[in-house]
Amino acid sequence: MKTILDTILSGTATSADYAALQIPESYRGITVHKDEQEMFAGKSTWEKDPRESLHLDDVPVPELGPGEALVAVMASAVNFNTVWSAIFEPVSTFGYLERYGRTNPIAKRHDLPYHVIGSDLAGVVLRTGPGVHTWNPGDEVVAHCLSVELESPLGHNDTMLDPEQRIWGYETNFGGLAELAIVKANQLLHKPTHLTWEEAASPGLVNSTAYRQLVSQNGAGMKQGDTVLIWGASGGLGSYATQMALNGGATPVCVVSSEDKADICRSMGAELIIDRKAEGYTFWKDEHTQDPKEWRRLGARIRELTGGDDVDIVFEHPGRETFGASVYVARKGGTIVTCASTSGYMHEYDNRFLWMNLKRIVGSHFANYREAWEANRLIQRGKIHPTLSKAYSLEQTGQAAYDVHRNLHQGKVGVLCLAPEEGLGVRDEELRAKHLTEINRFRNL
């Protein structure tokens, strides 16, 4: 592994040099163990500690299949699905691996008693399998996390509709929180040349998710002049939605939970801020009863900020805690676009405010390859910037996941895998210098 790293750090190695490298028999990766699936039984979600379930193990390098690439991972990042994997909620990921393993002989590799997790990476291609023609050893890449088979016609209009669509590193094995990773070649994108390895690794999942959810016609189809309510607007997902709204000529109404987070939104250029904690919003009277008065109060506050307008789009991801309010505050004919449900999956809302006002609820899940490519292009061109706040070592991944689980972080949390230190991997210093303030906006918050 040291030889691989030295080759990457040299900055002069050719594709032939990479192709000549010996691939080790094993590598270090962050895993969860199948025999520990019940370790948190009887504990609440809040009590489950990722530091107890995440392991740094030496695991065998899997055989490379057709259409795949073996990537040396310089850096990765923690997402909410990292937390879900670690606390075995809402279900253990080993069920996904078992089902995938039954689909074909090559997929059987994924059904193991351990799961190497992680759905982001920035690194260098080492090997490609049969049938790969676009990517070569030595290519510096980032990976999006959509894994598809595309043997069904259902996925050929929008690959997210492929019946065999999976999230790499969550519903498949050999993920990005490791020194090596296996991805399909159609997951690869060119690494933005002005970013470090850890910066380049951080946008992938959330940036692509936000792009489809907010900008794509498969999501809300945001246009210039729209007003967008963004929950968690300084967080890992919301911070990209905020940037996209501003970059696309829309007006974000940023919902945050502290003045520090409000300041982050202002630094991105947002002007309309709601601090839900300072203003005391409580959308539930108790576990079973919502409070419509709080919906109305939120709606009034939005109109106060916008000069009388309701929002065209609600960018939803908290789920149960906020969904009733989200449906209420969208304008007549407006759109509530939802992905994830970090506060609970069983949403409740008053359907009168949906059907009688001709509103739409749109489900959105990650992004197809074209959407991920377009989202990455915005990063490459310096239109959208990474929101990395802190980078941990691979050995500290449990703590990084704990911070995300407990919402102790800002923006995105990165993980150095093979990269020995931060700040490496920049190829375009001139472009970087133009955007250094924006790139570092979230650092060390």
Protein backbone atom coordinates (compact mmCIF):
# COMPACT_ATOMS: atom_id res chain seq x y z
CA MET A 1 0.00 0.00 0.00
CA LYS A 2 2.94 2.31 0.68
CA THR A 3 4.12 1.92 -2.91
CA ILE A 4 0.67 2.86 -4.18
CA LEU A 5 0.62 5.94 -1.98
CA ASP A 6 4.15 6.96 -2.97
CA THR A 7 3.17 6.68 -6.64
CA ILE A 8 0.13 8.92 -6.12
CA LEU A 9 2.12 11.48 -4.12
CA SER A 10 4.90 11.62 -6.72
CA GLY A 11 2.70 13.61 -9.07
CA THR A 12 4.67 12.33 -12.06
CA ALA A 13 3.49 8.72 -12.45
CA THR A 14 2.06 7.65 -15.79
CA SER A 15 -0.86 5.38 -16.49
CA ALA A 16 1.65 2.63 -17.25
CA ASP A 17 3.28 3.17 -13.86
CA TYR A 18 -0.06 2.68 -12.14
CA ALA A 19 -0.89 -0.37 -14.24
CA ALA A 20 2.43 -1.93 -13.16
CA LEU A 21 1.73 -1.51 -9.44
CA GLN A 22 1.23 -4.69 -7.46
CA ILE A 23 -2.20 -4.85 -5.85
CA PRO A 24 -1.97 -5.96 -2.21
CA GLU A 25 -3.88 -8.97 -0.95
CA SER A 26 -5.66 -6.97 1.74
CA TYR A 27 -6.51 -3.41 2.72
CA ARG A 28 -7.87 -1.52 5.70
CA GLY A 29 -11.54 -0.58 5.72
CA ILE A 30 -14.22 0.61 8.10
CA THR A 31 -16.64 -2.25 8.70
CA VAL A 32 -19.70 -3.32 10.59
CA HIS A 33 -19.95 -6.99 11.59
CA LYS A 34 -22.86 -9.28 10.87
CA ASP A 35 -22.61 -10.99 14.25
CA GLU A 36 -23.13 -7.63 15.98
CA GLN A 37 -26.43 -6.70 14.33
CA GLU A 38 -28.28 -6.97 17.64
CA MET A 39 -25.71 -5.18 19.77
CA PHE A 40 -27.97 -2.16 20.29
CA ALA A 41 -31.17 -4.10 20.96
CA GLY A 42 -33.39 -2.32 23.45
CA LYS A 43 -31.62 1.03 23.07
CA SER A 44 -33.15 4.16 21.60
CA THR A 45 -31.71 5.63 18.42
CA TRP A 46 -30.06 8.37 20.45
CA GLU A 47 -28.34 5.86 22.75
CA LYS A 48 -26.76 3.88 19.91
CA ASP A 49 -23.10 4.81 19.55
CA PRO A 50 -21.35 4.32 16.17
CA ARG A 51 -18.01 4.24 17.96
CA GLU A 52 -18.97 0.86 19.39
CA SER A 53 -20.00 -0.78 16.12
CA LEU A 54 -17.53 0.58 13.56
CA HIS A 55 -14.30 -1.37 13.17
CA LEU A 56 -11.09 -0.74 11.24
CA ASP A 57 -10.28 -4.17 9.79
CA ASP A 58 -7.86 -5.70 7.33
CA VAL A 59 -10.02 -7.30 4.64
CA PRO A 60 -9.18 -9.21 1.43
CA VAL A 61 -9.13 -7.30 -1.85
CA PRO A 62 -12.15 -8.59 -3.81
CA GLU A 63 -11.95 -9.84 -7.37
CA LEU A 64 -12.59 -7.11 -9.94
CA GLY A 65 -15.67 -7.77 -12.06
CA PRO A 66 -16.67 -6.65 -15.57
CA GLY A 67 -17.41 -2.94 -15.82
CA GLU A 68 -15.77 -2.19 -12.48
CA ALA A 69 -12.80 -0.18 -11.26
CA LEU A 70 -10.48 -0.64 -8.30
CA VAL A 71 -9.74 2.77 -6.78
CA ALA A 72 -7.07 3.79 -4.28
CA VAL A 73 -9.06 5.95 -1.87
CA MET A 74 -7.27 9.07 -0.72
CA ALA A 75 -10.25 10.46 1.19
CA SER A 76 -13.89 9.76 1.91
CA ALA A 77 -16.71 11.35 3.92
CA VAL A 78 -19.38 10.52 6.47
CA ASN A 79 -23.05 10.67 5.50
CA PHE A 80 -26.24 9.88 7.37
CA ASN A 81 -26.22 6.47 5.73
CA THR A 82 -22.88 5.88 7.50
CA VAL A 83 -24.71 6.45 10.76
CA TRP A 84 -27.62 4.24 9.72
CA SER A 85 -25.19 1.45 8.81
CA ALA A 86 -23.41 1.82 12.14
CA ILE A 87 -26.53 1.73 14.33
CA PHE A 88 -28.32 -0.89 12.16
CA GLU A 89 -31.30 1.39 11.55
CA PRO A 90 -33.86 1.37 10.11
CA VAL A 91 -32.65 -2.13 9.21
CA SER A 92 -29.32 -3.91 9.17
CA THR A 93 -27.47 -3.46 5.88
CA PHE A 94 -26.63 -7.16 5.83
CA GLY A 95 -30.09 -7.84 4.47
CA TYR A 96 -29.22 -5.71 1.45
CA LEU A 97 -25.98 -7.60 0.94
CA GLU A 98 -27.71 -10.98 1.19
CA ARG A 99 -30.35 -10.02 -1.38
CA TYR A 100 -27.75 -8.55 -3.72
CA GLY A 101 -25.63 -11.67 -3.39
CA ARG A 102 -28.50 -13.82 -4.63
CA THR A 103 -28.90 -11.88 -7.90
CA ASN A 104 -25.87 -13.25 -9.77
CA PRO A 105 -22.53 -15.02 -9.18
CA ILE A 106 -20.46 -11.82 -9.34
CA ALA A 107 -22.71 -10.07 -6.82
CA LYS A 108 -22.19 -13.00 -4.43
CA ARG A 109 -18.85 -11.33 -3.50
CA HIS A 110 -20.83 -8.68 -1.58
CA ASP A 111 -22.53 -11.12 0.79
CA LEU A 112 -19.92 -11.30 3.53
CA PRO A 113 -19.94 -11.40 7.35
CA TYR A 114 -18.55 -7.86 7.29
CA HIS A 115 -19.62 -4.76 5.39
CA VAL A 116 -17.08 -2.16 4.24
CA ILE A 117 -19.21 0.98 4.30
CA GLY A 118 -18.97 4.51 2.87
CA SER A 119 -20.65 6.21 -0.09
CA ASP A 120 -18.11 8.90 -1.03
CA LEU A 121 -14.53 8.83 -2.27
CA ALA A 122 -11.81 10.76 -4.03
CA GLY A 123 -8.88 8.77 -5.30
CA VAL A 124 -6.99 7.24 -8.20
CA VAL A 125 -7.97 4.38 -10.50
CA LEU A 126 -5.60 1.40 -10.14
CA ARG A 127 -7.29 -1.25 -12.27
CA THR A 128 -10.32 -1.59 -14.51
CA GLY A 129 -12.28 -4.74 -15.29
CA PRO A 130 -13.32 -6.12 -18.69
CA GLY A 131 -15.52 -3.80 -20.70
CA VAL A 132 -14.21 -0.53 -19.25
CA HIS A 133 -13.00 1.78 -22.02
CA THR A 134 -13.28 5.34 -20.67
CA TRP A 135 -11.23 5.15 -17.49
CA ASN A 136 -7.60 4.16 -17.08
CA PRO A 137 -5.12 3.51 -14.28
CA GLY A 138 -3.88 6.83 -12.92
CA ASP A 139 -7.09 8.77 -13.51
CA GLU A 140 -7.95 11.00 -10.55
CA VAL A 141 -11.61 10.53 -9.77
CA VAL A 142 -14.50 11.00 -7.42
CA ALA A 143 -17.33 8.49 -7.25
CA HIS A 144 -21.06 8.99 -7.03
CA CYS A 145 -22.91 6.29 -5.14
CA LEU A 146 -25.51 5.02 -7.63
CA SER A 147 -25.04 1.33 -8.44
CA VAL A 148 -27.29 -0.04 -11.21
CA GLU A 149 -27.44 -3.16 -13.36
CA LEU A 150 -29.59 -1.75 -16.22
CA GLU A 151 -30.73 -5.13 -17.50
CA SER A 152 -34.36 -4.02 -17.15
CA PRO A 153 -35.97 -1.51 -19.54
CA LEU A 154 -37.39 0.33 -16.52
CA GLY A 155 -34.08 2.03 -15.79
CA HIS A 156 -33.27 3.38 -19.21
CA ASN A 157 -35.27 6.61 -19.02
CA ASP A 158 -34.03 7.39 -15.53
CA THR A 159 -31.46 5.01 -14.06
CA MET A 160 -32.80 5.69 -10.56
CA LEU A 161 -35.82 3.61 -11.62
CA ASP A 162 -33.73 0.52 -12.33
CA PRO A 163 -35.21 -2.31 -10.22
CA GLU A 164 -31.63 -3.21 -9.25
CA GLN A 165 -30.72 0.34 -8.16
CA ARG A 166 -28.60 0.40 -5.01
CA ILE A 167 -26.56 2.86 -3.02
CA TRP A 168 -22.90 1.85 -3.15
CA GLY A 169 -21.31 1.44 0.26
CA TYR A 170 -24.70 1.16 1.92
CA GLU A 171 -26.62 -1.45 -0.06
CA THR A 172 -23.43 -2.87 -1.59
CA ASN A 173 -20.09 -3.84 -0.08
CA PHE A 174 -16.55 -2.50 -0.68
CA GLY A 175 -17.44 1.14 0.06
CA GLY A 176 -15.35 4.27 0.24
CA LEU A 177 -14.35 4.44 3.92
CA ALA A 178 -11.29 2.36 3.18
CA GLU A 179 -7.89 2.35 1.51
CA LEU A 180 -9.30 0.65 -1.60
CA ALA A 181 -12.79 0.50 -3.04
CA ILE A 182 -14.65 -1.28 -5.84
CA VAL A 183 -17.03 0.82 -7.94
CA LYS A 184 -18.76 0.44 -11.26
CA ALA A 185 -17.07 2.47 -13.99
CA ASN A 186 -20.29 4.42 -14.53
CA GLN A 187 -19.97 5.76 -10.99
CA LEU A 188 -16.75 7.60 -11.80
CA LEU A 189 -16.42 11.34 -12.35
CA HIS A 190 -13.34 13.48 -12.82
CA LYS A 191 -11.97 14.92 -9.58
CA PRO A 192 -12.25 18.73 -9.43
CA THR A 193 -8.66 19.82 -10.00
CA HIS A 194 -8.70 22.82 -7.63
CA LEU A 195 -9.72 20.80 -4.58
CA THR A 196 -7.75 18.70 -2.11
CA TRP A 197 -8.53 15.02 -1.77
CA GLU A 198 -10.66 15.56 1.35
CA GLU A 199 -12.52 18.50 -0.17
CA ALA A 200 -13.22 16.59 -3.38
CA ALA A 201 -14.52 13.57 -1.46
CA SER A 202 -17.06 15.51 0.56
CA PRO A 203 -19.70 16.75 -1.96
CA GLY A 204 -20.52 13.54 -3.87
CA LEU A 205 -23.59 12.08 -2.19
CA VAL A 206 -25.13 15.25 -0.81
CA ASN A 207 -24.35 17.51 -3.77
CA SER A 208 -25.88 15.09 -6.27
CA THR A 209 -28.86 14.45 -3.98
CA ALA A 210 -29.52 18.17 -3.63
CA TYR A 211 -29.18 18.69 -7.39
CA ARG A 212 -31.79 16.11 -8.28
CA GLN A 213 -34.09 17.09 -5.44
CA LEU A 214 -34.05 20.81 -6.14
CA VAL A 215 -32.87 21.52 -9.70
CA SER A 216 -33.62 18.48 -11.85
CA GLN A 217 -36.94 18.00 -13.59
CA ASN A 218 -37.04 14.68 -11.75
CA GLY A 219 -37.28 16.73 -8.54
CA ALA A 220 -38.66 20.22 -7.93
CA GLY A 221 -37.41 21.75 -11.19
CA MET A 222 -36.39 25.00 -9.51
CA LYS A 223 -36.33 28.07 -11.74
CA GLN A 224 -35.13 31.64 -11.44
CA GLY A 225 -37.33 33.69 -9.14
CA ASP A 226 -38.55 30.75 -7.04
CA THR A 227 -38.61 31.01 -3.27
CA VAL A 228 -37.34 27.87 -1.55
CA LEU A 229 -37.72 26.87 2.11
CA ILE A 230 -34.65 24.86 3.06
CA TRP A 231 -34.67 22.89 6.30
CA GLY A 232 -31.24 22.45 7.90
CA ALA A 233 -29.84 24.99 5.48
CA SER A 234 -26.29 24.91 6.89
CA GLY A 235 -26.09 21.11 7.12
CA GLY A 236 -24.54 18.49 4.89
CA LEU A 237 -27.47 18.43 2.45
CA GLY A 238 -29.06 21.83 3.04
CA SER A 239 -25.82 23.73 2.50
CA TYR A 240 -25.74 22.51 -1.11
CA ALA A 241 -29.41 23.31 -1.61
CA THR A 242 -28.75 26.82 -0.31
CA GLN A 243 -25.87 27.29 -2.75
CA MET A 244 -27.91 25.91 -5.66
CA ALA A 245 -30.84 28.21 -4.89
CA LEU A 246 -28.56 31.24 -4.85
CA ASN A 247 -26.59 30.09 -7.89
CA GLY A 248 -29.83 29.41 -9.82
CA GLY A 249 -31.54 32.75 -9.23
CA ALA A 250 -33.90 31.56 -6.50
CA THR A 251 -34.38 32.98 -3.01
CA PRO A 252 -33.67 30.58 -0.16
CA VAL A 253 -35.48 30.85 3.15
CA CYS A 254 -32.98 29.11 5.41
CA VAL A 255 -34.18 27.25 8.50
CA VAL A 256 -31.40 26.67 11.04
CA SER A 257 -31.09 25.80 14.71
CA SER A 258 -28.57 28.36 16.00
CA GLU A 259 -27.15 31.79 15.34
CA ASP A 260 -23.83 30.25 14.31
CA LYS A 261 -25.62 28.28 11.61
CA ALA A 262 -27.52 31.40 10.57
CA ASP A 263 -24.16 33.15 10.12
CA ILE A 264 -23.00 30.35 7.83
CA CYS A 265 -26.06 30.84 5.62
CA ARG A 266 -25.45 34.58 5.53
CA SER A 267 -21.84 33.96 4.52
CA MET A 268 -23.14 31.94 1.55
CA GLY A 269 -25.25 34.94 0.50
CA ALA A 270 -28.63 34.01 1.99
CA GLU A 271 -30.58 36.84 3.60
CA LEU A 272 -33.82 35.26 4.81
CA ILE A 273 -33.14 33.20 7.94
CA ILE A 274 -35.38 31.46 10.46
CA ASP A 275 -33.72 30.25 13.65
CA ARG A 276 -36.26 27.63 14.67
CA LYS A 277 -34.83 27.20 18.17
CA ALA A 278 -34.54 30.89 18.96
CA GLU A 279 -38.08 31.45 17.66
CA GLY A 280 -39.35 28.44 19.59
CA TYR A 281 -41.10 26.42 16.88
CA THR A 282 -42.65 23.23 18.26
CA PHE A 283 -44.67 21.46 15.60
CA TRP A 284 -45.81 18.61 17.87
CA LYS A 285 -47.80 19.05 21.08
CA ASP A 286 -46.87 15.52 22.07
CA GLU A 287 -45.72 12.31 20.39
CA HIS A 288 -49.05 11.83 18.63
CA THR A 289 -50.46 15.33 18.09
CA GLN A 290 -49.25 18.08 15.79
CA ASP A 291 -49.92 21.78 16.41
CA PRO A 292 -51.40 23.54 13.35
CA LYS A 293 -51.01 26.88 15.13
CA GLU A 294 -47.26 26.43 14.76
CA TRP A 295 -47.67 25.73 11.05
CA ARG A 296 -49.57 28.99 10.70
CA ARG A 297 -46.96 30.86 12.73
CA LEU A 298 -44.22 29.54 10.45
CA GLY A 299 -46.22 30.51 7.37
CA ALA A 300 -46.70 34.02 8.72
CA ARG A 301 -42.98 34.31 9.48
CA ILE A 302 -42.10 33.25 5.93
CA ARG A 303 -44.45 35.88 4.47
CA GLU A 304 -42.95 38.48 6.77
CA LEU A 305 -39.48 37.69 5.41
CA THR A 306 -40.48 37.44 1.74
CA GLY A 307 -42.75 40.47 1.60
CA GLY A 308 -45.94 38.45 1.50
CA ASP A 309 -45.02 35.44 -0.62
CA ASP A 310 -45.42 31.80 0.28
CA VAL A 311 -42.65 29.46 -0.84
CA ASP A 312 -42.73 27.77 -4.24
CA ILE A 313 -40.66 24.80 -3.08
CA VAL A 314 -40.02 23.15 0.27
CA PHE A 315 -36.72 21.27 0.41
CA GLU A 316 -37.64 18.49 2.87
CA HIS A 317 -35.41 15.97 4.57
CA PRO A 318 -36.10 16.01 8.35
CA GLY A 319 -39.33 14.06 7.77
CA ARG A 320 -41.78 13.41 10.58
CA GLU A 321 -40.89 16.43 12.73
CA THR A 322 -41.43 19.00 9.99
CA PHE A 323 -43.52 17.42 7.25
CA GLY A 324 -46.92 18.69 8.39
CA ALA A 325 -45.54 22.22 8.48
CA SER A 326 -43.88 21.77 5.08
CA VAL A 327 -47.12 20.79 3.39
CA TYR A 328 -48.91 23.72 5.01
CA VAL A 329 -46.45 26.49 4.12
CA ALA A 330 -45.96 25.64 0.43
CA ARG A 331 -47.87 28.03 -1.84
CA LYS A 332 -50.97 26.99 -3.75
CA GLY A 333 -49.67 24.76 -6.54
CA GLY A 334 -46.30 24.51 -4.82
CA THR A 335 -44.01 21.51 -4.41
CA ILE A 336 -42.77 19.66 -1.36
CA VAL A 337 -39.79 17.58 -2.46
CA THR A 338 -38.57 15.03 0.07
CA CYS A 339 -35.60 12.78 0.54
CA ALA A 340 -34.61 10.94 3.70
CA SER A 341 -36.39 11.34 7.03
CA THR A 342 -33.81 11.95 9.69
CA SER A 343 -36.42 12.63 12.38
CA GLY A 344 -38.69 9.71 11.44
CA TYR A 345 -40.17 7.99 8.41
CA MET A 346 -43.87 8.00 9.30
CA HIS A 347 -44.92 11.41 8.03
CA GLU A 348 -48.23 13.01 8.95
CA TYR A 349 -49.88 16.03 7.35
CA ASP A 350 -53.33 17.53 6.84
CA ASN A 351 -54.32 16.46 3.34
CA ARG A 352 -56.80 19.32 2.97
CA PHE A 353 -53.87 21.68 2.52
CA LEU A 354 -52.46 19.43 -0.19
CA TRP A 355 -55.45 18.49 -2.32
CA MET A 356 -57.49 21.68 -2.04
CA ASN A 357 -54.45 23.80 -2.86
CA LEU A 358 -53.17 21.60 -5.69
CA LYS A 359 -49.77 21.04 -4.10
CA ARG A 360 -47.42 18.22 -5.05
CA ILE A 361 -45.28 15.91 -2.95
CA VAL A 362 -42.30 14.61 -4.92
CA GLY A 363 -40.07 11.81 -3.67
CA SER A 364 -36.41 12.17 -4.55
CA HIS A 365 -33.60 9.69 -3.97
CA PHE A 366 -29.94 10.37 -4.77
CA ALA A 367 -29.39 11.07 -8.52
CA ASN A 368 -28.82 9.39 -11.84
CA TYR A 369 -25.42 9.51 -13.56
CA ARG A 370 -26.30 12.55 -15.67
CA GLU A 371 -27.51 14.48 -12.63
CA ALA A 372 -24.42 13.49 -10.64
CA TRP A 373 -22.24 14.56 -13.57
CA GLU A 374 -23.97 17.95 -13.78
CA ALA A 375 -23.69 18.44 -10.02
CA ASN A 376 -19.98 17.59 -10.16
CA ARG A 377 -19.50 20.00 -13.07
CA LEU A 378 -20.79 22.83 -10.87
CA ILE A 379 -18.09 21.92 -8.36
CA GLN A 380 -15.43 21.69 -11.09
CA ARG A 381 -16.31 25.16 -12.38
CA GLY A 382 -16.30 26.79 -8.96
CA LYS A 383 -20.03 27.53 -9.01
CA ILE A 384 -20.77 25.31 -6.00
CA HIS A 385 -18.23 24.74 -3.23
CA PRO A 386 -17.50 21.91 -0.81
CA THR A 387 -18.82 22.39 2.72
CA LEU A 388 -16.13 20.38 4.51
CA SER A 389 -15.79 21.47 8.12
CA LYS A 390 -13.39 18.89 9.50
CA ALA A 391 -11.41 15.85 8.39
CA TYR A 392 -10.73 12.84 10.59
CA SER A 393 -8.26 10.01 10.14
CA LEU A 394 -9.54 6.60 9.08
CA GLU A 395 -8.92 5.42 12.64
CA GLN A 396 -11.25 8.16 13.92
CA THR A 397 -14.20 7.30 11.67
CA GLY A 398 -16.28 6.13 14.63
CA GLN A 399 -15.97 9.56 16.22
CA ALA A 400 -16.79 11.24 12.91
CA ALA A 401 -19.96 9.16 12.60
CA TYR A 402 -20.83 9.91 16.23
CA ASP A 403 -20.55 13.64 15.54
CA VAL A 404 -22.92 13.35 12.59
CA HIS A 405 -25.32 11.16 14.57
CA ARG A 406 -25.45 13.74 17.37
CA ASN A 407 -25.55 16.71 14.96
CA LEU A 408 -22.33 18.07 16.47
CA HIS A 409 -20.96 18.90 13.02
CA GLN A 410 -21.42 21.58 10.40
CA GLY A 411 -21.54 20.91 6.67
CA LYS A 412 -19.72 17.70 5.79
CA VAL A 413 -17.26 15.63 7.80
CA GLY A 414 -14.38 14.13 5.83
CA VAL A 415 -12.13 11.13 6.45
CA LEU A 416 -8.52 10.78 5.29
CA CYS A 417 -7.99 7.25 4.00
CA LEU A 418 -4.65 6.86 2.19
CA ALA A 419 -3.90 10.59 2.24
CA PRO A 420 -1.31 11.08 5.00
CA GLU A 421 -2.37 14.67 5.70
CA GLU A 422 -4.80 17.35 4.60
CA GLY A 423 -4.12 19.76 1.77
CA LEU A 424 -2.85 17.32 -0.88
CA GLY A 425 -4.10 16.72 -4.41
CA VAL A 426 -4.58 20.27 -5.75
CA ARG A 427 -3.71 20.50 -9.48
CA ASP A 428 -5.20 23.92 -10.40
CA GLU A 429 -3.85 26.50 -7.95
CA GLU A 430 -5.13 29.43 -10.00
CA LEU A 431 -8.78 28.35 -9.83
CA ARG A 432 -8.38 27.47 -6.17
CA ALA A 433 -7.05 30.94 -5.35
CA LYS A 434 -10.20 32.49 -6.85
CA HIS A 435 -12.48 30.54 -4.51
CA LEU A 436 -10.37 29.93 -1.42
CA THR A 437 -12.68 31.87 0.89
CA GLU A 438 -15.72 29.87 -0.26
CA ILE A 439 -13.84 26.56 -0.11
CA ASN A 440 -12.84 27.23 3.50
CA ARG A 441 -16.18 28.69 4.62
CA PHE A 442 -17.10 25.71 6.80
CA ARG A 443 -13.63 24.83 8.02
CA ASN A 444 -13.18 24.25 11.74
CA LEU A 445 -16.65 25.46 12.67
